[in-house]
Protein backbone atom coordinates (compact mmCIF):
# COMPACT_ATOMS: atom_id res chain seq x y z
CA MET A 1 0.00 0.00 0.00
CA ASN A 2 1.16 3.49 -0.79
CA ASN A 3 0.93 5.68 2.29
CA VAL A 4 2.28 8.80 0.56
CA TYR A 5 0.18 11.61 -0.89
CA GLU A 6 1.82 14.15 -3.19
CA GLY A 7 0.53 17.60 -3.98
CA LYS A 8 1.55 21.03 -5.15
CA VAL A 9 1.21 24.21 -3.13
CA MET A 10 -1.13 26.60 -4.93
CA TRP A 11 -1.67 30.33 -4.58
CA SER A 12 -4.81 29.67 -2.50
CA HIS A 13 -2.70 27.78 0.06
CA LEU A 14 -0.60 30.86 0.92
CA ASP A 15 -0.95 33.36 3.73
CA VAL A 16 0.02 37.03 3.88
CA ASN A 17 3.64 36.04 4.63
CA MET A 18 3.80 34.15 1.30
CA HIS A 19 4.19 30.71 2.81
CA MET A 20 1.70 27.90 3.22
CA ARG A 21 -1.09 28.91 5.61
CA HIS A 22 -1.81 26.90 8.74
CA SER A 23 -5.09 25.39 7.54
CA ALA A 24 -3.54 24.21 4.26
CA TYR A 25 -1.36 21.80 6.23
CA ALA A 26 -4.52 20.32 7.77
CA ASP A 27 -6.15 20.15 4.33
CA PHE A 28 -3.19 18.28 2.83
CA ALA A 29 -3.14 15.90 5.82
CA ALA A 30 -6.87 15.23 5.45
CA GLN A 31 -6.49 14.55 1.73
CA ALA A 32 -3.59 12.18 2.41
CA ARG A 33 -5.66 10.35 5.02
CA ILE A 34 -8.69 10.05 2.74
CA SER A 35 -6.55 8.91 -0.20
CA VAL A 36 -4.94 6.14 1.84
CA LEU A 37 -8.28 5.04 3.32
CA ASP A 38 -9.70 5.01 -0.20
CA SER A 39 -6.88 2.73 -1.36
CA LEU A 40 -7.88 0.28 1.41
CA GLY A 41 -11.49 0.12 0.27
CA LEU A 42 -12.62 2.62 2.90
CA ASP A 43 -13.86 4.98 0.22
CA PHE A 44 -16.57 7.63 0.12
CA LYS A 45 -19.11 5.26 -1.49
CA THR A 46 -18.54 2.64 1.21
CA PHE A 47 -18.95 5.27 3.92
CA GLN A 48 -22.16 6.51 2.28
CA ASP A 49 -23.56 2.98 2.06
CA LEU A 50 -22.74 2.30 5.72
CA LYS A 51 -23.85 5.79 6.80
CA VAL A 52 -20.54 6.07 8.65
CA GLY A 53 -17.68 8.51 8.44
CA PRO A 54 -14.44 9.44 10.20
CA ILE A 55 -14.64 12.09 12.91
CA LEU A 56 -11.76 13.95 14.55
CA PHE A 57 -11.53 14.81 18.24
CA ARG A 58 -8.13 16.47 18.11
CA GLU A 59 -5.79 17.83 15.48
CA GLU A 60 -2.31 19.05 16.32
CA LEU A 61 0.05 20.76 13.90
CA VAL A 62 3.73 21.26 14.58
CA TYR A 63 5.40 23.56 12.05
CA LEU A 64 9.05 22.91 11.32
CA ARG A 65 9.96 24.69 8.05
CA GLU A 66 8.28 27.04 5.62
CA VAL A 67 6.71 25.78 2.42
CA GLY A 68 6.26 28.15 -0.51
CA LEU A 69 4.32 28.61 -3.72
CA ASN A 70 4.57 25.87 -6.36
CA GLU A 71 6.55 23.57 -4.08
CA LYS A 72 5.73 19.91 -4.41
CA ILE A 73 5.10 18.30 -1.06
CA LYS A 74 4.74 14.74 0.13
CA VAL A 75 2.58 13.71 3.06
CA THR A 76 3.07 10.33 4.71
CA ILE A 77 0.59 8.78 7.10
CA GLU A 78 1.07 6.20 9.83
CA LEU A 79 -1.12 4.80 12.54
CA THR A 80 0.27 5.72 15.97
CA LYS A 81 -2.55 4.38 18.16
CA SER A 82 -5.58 2.19 17.64
CA ARG A 83 -8.00 0.01 19.51
CA SER A 84 -7.99 -3.58 18.30
CA ASP A 85 -11.47 -3.04 16.85
CA GLY A 86 -10.29 0.14 15.08
CA ALA A 87 -13.01 2.19 16.77
CA ARG A 88 -10.58 4.82 18.10
CA TRP A 89 -7.30 5.75 16.47
CA SER A 90 -4.53 8.30 16.04
CA ILE A 91 -2.74 9.04 12.78
CA ARG A 92 0.49 10.97 12.27
CA HIS A 93 1.09 12.81 9.00
CA ILE A 94 4.54 14.06 8.11
CA VAL A 95 4.70 16.83 5.52
CA TYR A 96 7.92 16.94 3.49
CA ARG A 97 9.06 19.74 1.21
CA GLU A 98 10.29 18.78 -2.24
CA ASP A 99 13.89 18.98 -0.99
CA GLY A 100 13.06 16.19 1.50
CA VAL A 101 13.08 18.42 4.58
CA ARG A 102 10.31 17.86 7.13
CA ALA A 103 8.01 20.86 7.04
CA ALA A 104 5.35 19.83 9.56
CA VAL A 105 3.86 17.03 11.61
CA VAL A 106 0.08 16.74 11.84
CA THR A 107 -1.40 14.36 14.41
CA VAL A 108 -5.10 13.55 14.62
CA ASP A 109 -7.17 11.50 17.04
CA GLY A 110 -10.38 10.09 15.65
CA ALA A 111 -13.11 7.49 15.52
CA TRP A 112 -16.02 6.40 13.32
CA LEU A 113 -19.38 8.19 13.49
CA ASP A 114 -22.76 6.73 12.59
CA VAL A 115 -24.06 9.77 10.70
CA GLU A 116 -27.73 8.89 11.22
CA LYS A 117 -27.60 8.11 14.95
CA ARG A 118 -24.89 10.77 15.53
CA LYS A 119 -23.09 8.28 17.78
CA LEU A 120 -19.71 6.62 17.67
CA THR A 121 -19.66 3.22 16.03
CA VAL A 122 -17.41 0.38 14.91
CA LEU A 123 -16.75 -0.55 11.30
CA PRO A 124 -17.80 -3.98 9.98
CA ALA A 125 -15.16 -6.67 10.65
CA ASN A 126 -13.94 -6.81 7.01
CA LEU A 127 -13.24 -3.06 7.06
CA VAL A 128 -11.61 -3.25 10.50
CA GLU A 129 -9.18 -5.75 8.95
CA LYS A 130 -8.45 -3.36 6.09
CA PHE A 131 -8.00 -0.41 8.46
CA ALA A 132 -5.56 -2.50 10.51
CA THR A 133 -3.27 -2.75 7.47
CA LEU A 134 -2.41 0.96 7.69
CA PRO A 135 1.33 1.40 8.19
CA LYS A 136 2.10 1.61 11.89
CA SER A 137 4.60 3.99 13.43
CA ILE A 138 7.66 2.77 15.32
CA ASP A 139 6.02 4.08 18.50
CA PHE A 140 2.62 2.48 17.73
CA GLU A 141 0.56 1.56 20.76
CA GLU A 142 -2.68 -0.34 21.08
CA ILE A 143 -5.39 1.56 22.93
CA HIS A 144 -7.11 -0.45 25.65
CA ALA A 145 -10.58 0.46 26.96
């Protein structure tokens, strides 16, 4: 599985200081996450059919280096925490500039939401198995409880 998303920084991603704005990092991380989930069969159509979607409880961005206009960036994703049933999880995204330098680290904590009941839920077993194939970080830990 490819856990790398590549994109190009556009004019609309810039702030007044002419570098990538804070929310663009979150947008690239979200797109990377959705692209990787899609490659596992956890795609938009599947979520619509199940009436389930990912929900975030926390998003943390640590900025390391500036990223500018027309730079190509790469975003990797790795699972840092997860319950064995995949119901709760944390994902780390690392944003790299085109010169290979780390530009930012985005960490999110999330779960699955039943969009009709507006309550947390668990994915069907076959999708839990697919979710479990996400690349795991060196410091991965299983969440108990």
